[in-house]
Amino acid sequence: MTTVSEMIPDHLTDQVDAALAWWNAEQDVAFEVTGIIDPDDGERELRLVLCGGNRCEQRSFRLDGERGAWSVSLADDEPSAPTDAALVPELDPPPGARREWLARTLEQHEFVVLVFYRGFW
């Protein structure tokens, strides 16, 4: 079963920081990690929930090397086996992912409408 955690385990902090820095170097907005998927599966692949600007994405990163000298690449670029399983709603960003955006938006407007559709937002 897939587990999503908002807390990054201490033993993965260095790898998560390296993957985030690598990802942000290629993006036009700064992203932050708002969750990690299956953090204790023991592999060198990190599945992270990243939020920045007005979007959140789940990306998988492959890390090689050692602490302080990680080589990072997207694992998403590799072809994956087709699966019949539907998207798991738990892969949506954790509840706090849009907290800052919502606070800023509510200061500007009387109300905000959030639309959820089949686990997507």
Protein backbone atom coordinates (compact mmCIF):
# COMPACT_ATOMS: atom_id res chain seq x y z
CA MET A 1 0.00 0.00 0.00
CA THR A 2 1.25 3.47 -0.86
CA THR A 3 2.04 5.77 2.06
CA VAL A 4 2.46 9.51 1.81
CA SER A 5 4.22 11.43 4.57
CA GLU A 6 4.54 15.17 5.09
CA MET A 7 7.61 14.59 7.27
CA ILE A 8 10.92 13.78 5.60
CA PRO A 9 12.81 11.08 7.54
CA ASP A 10 16.15 12.33 8.92
CA HIS A 11 18.15 9.73 6.98
CA LEU A 12 16.73 11.03 3.67
CA THR A 13 17.11 14.78 4.28
CA ASP A 14 20.38 15.09 2.34
CA GLN A 15 18.99 13.21 -0.69
CA VAL A 16 15.72 15.18 -0.66
CA ASP A 17 17.61 18.49 -0.44
CA ALA A 18 19.83 17.45 -3.39
CA ALA A 19 16.84 16.40 -5.50
CA LEU A 20 14.98 19.64 -4.69
CA ALA A 21 18.00 21.82 -5.53
CA TRP A 22 18.48 19.95 -8.82
CA TRP A 23 14.76 20.30 -9.69
CA ASN A 24 14.61 24.01 -8.80
CA ALA A 25 17.65 24.76 -10.98
CA GLU A 26 15.57 23.77 -14.02
CA GLN A 27 12.29 25.49 -13.06
CA ASP A 28 10.94 29.01 -13.47
CA VAL A 29 9.48 29.05 -9.91
CA ALA A 30 10.88 27.75 -6.64
CA PHE A 31 9.34 24.49 -5.50
CA GLU A 32 9.27 23.04 -2.00
CA VAL A 33 8.82 19.45 -0.90
CA THR A 34 5.42 18.97 0.70
CA GLY A 35 5.46 15.18 0.91
CA ILE A 36 7.34 11.97 0.25
CA ILE A 37 5.81 8.75 -1.06
CA ASP A 38 6.88 5.44 0.49
CA PRO A 39 9.92 6.95 2.24
CA ASP A 40 11.14 3.70 3.78
CA ASP A 41 11.22 1.43 0.75
CA GLY A 42 15.05 1.36 0.88
CA GLU A 43 15.72 2.26 -2.75
CA ARG A 44 17.80 5.11 -4.18
CA GLU A 45 14.67 6.46 -5.85
CA LEU A 46 12.79 9.28 -4.14
CA ARG A 47 9.16 9.93 -4.96
CA LEU A 48 8.43 13.49 -3.87
CA VAL A 49 5.42 15.78 -3.92
CA LEU A 50 6.67 19.21 -5.02
CA CYS A 51 4.65 22.43 -4.87
CA GLY A 52 5.58 25.81 -6.31
CA GLY A 53 3.78 28.70 -7.91
CA ASN A 54 0.25 27.53 -8.63
CA ARG A 55 0.95 23.83 -9.15
CA CYS A 56 1.93 20.66 -7.35
CA GLU A 57 3.55 17.66 -9.00
CA GLN A 58 4.68 14.21 -7.99
CA ARG A 59 8.14 13.43 -9.39
CA SER A 60 10.51 10.51 -8.95
CA PHE A 61 14.24 11.13 -8.66
CA ARG A 62 17.11 8.69 -8.96
CA LEU A 63 20.16 9.49 -6.84
CA ASP A 64 23.63 8.01 -7.21
CA GLY A 65 26.76 8.83 -5.26
CA GLU A 66 27.11 9.72 -1.62
CA ARG A 67 26.30 12.43 0.90
CA GLY A 68 27.30 15.86 -0.40
CA ALA A 69 28.07 14.58 -3.91
CA TRP A 70 24.77 13.26 -5.21
CA SER A 71 24.16 12.77 -8.91
CA VAL A 72 20.45 13.42 -9.51
CA SER A 73 18.26 12.50 -12.47
CA LEU A 74 14.55 12.11 -13.11
CA ALA A 75 13.39 8.53 -12.80
CA ASP A 76 10.17 9.62 -14.57
CA ASP A 77 12.05 9.79 -17.87
CA GLU A 78 12.49 6.03 -17.91
CA PRO A 79 9.67 4.04 -19.50
CA SER A 80 7.48 2.49 -16.86
CA ALA A 81 5.47 -0.68 -17.08
CA PRO A 82 1.82 -0.10 -17.91
CA THR A 83 -0.48 -0.49 -14.96
CA ASP A 84 -4.19 -1.06 -14.73
CA ALA A 85 -4.40 0.55 -11.30
CA ALA A 86 -6.20 3.87 -11.15
CA LEU A 87 -4.38 6.88 -9.75
CA VAL A 88 -4.30 6.75 -5.98
CA PRO A 89 -5.92 9.86 -4.44
CA GLU A 90 -3.30 9.80 -1.64
CA LEU A 91 -0.75 10.95 -4.22
CA ASP A 92 -2.36 14.37 -4.17
CA PRO A 93 -0.30 16.90 -2.23
CA PRO A 94 -0.83 16.85 1.52
CA PRO A 95 -3.41 19.27 2.98
CA GLY A 96 -0.86 21.96 3.88
CA ALA A 97 0.52 22.29 0.35
CA ARG A 98 -1.58 25.33 -0.57
CA ARG A 99 -1.81 26.89 2.90
CA GLU A 100 0.33 29.96 2.08
CA TRP A 101 -1.37 30.49 -1.28
CA LEU A 102 -4.81 30.25 0.32
CA ALA A 103 -3.89 32.72 3.08
CA ARG A 104 -2.60 35.27 0.51
CA THR A 105 -5.63 34.82 -1.72
CA LEU A 106 -8.13 35.17 1.13
CA GLU A 107 -6.54 38.51 2.04
CA GLN A 108 -7.42 39.75 -1.46
CA HIS A 109 -10.94 38.29 -1.80
CA GLU A 110 -14.00 37.62 0.37
CA PHE A 111 -14.05 33.91 -0.53
CA VAL A 112 -12.22 31.34 -2.64
CA VAL A 113 -13.72 28.39 -4.51
CA LEU A 114 -11.59 25.23 -4.56
CA VAL A 115 -12.55 22.56 -7.08
CA PHE A 116 -11.74 18.91 -6.48
CA TYR A 117 -12.32 16.42 -9.29
CA ARG A 118 -11.69 12.68 -8.81
CA GLY A 119 -8.71 13.22 -6.57
CA PHE A 120 -7.22 16.01 -8.69
CA TRP A 121 -7.17 19.68 -7.73
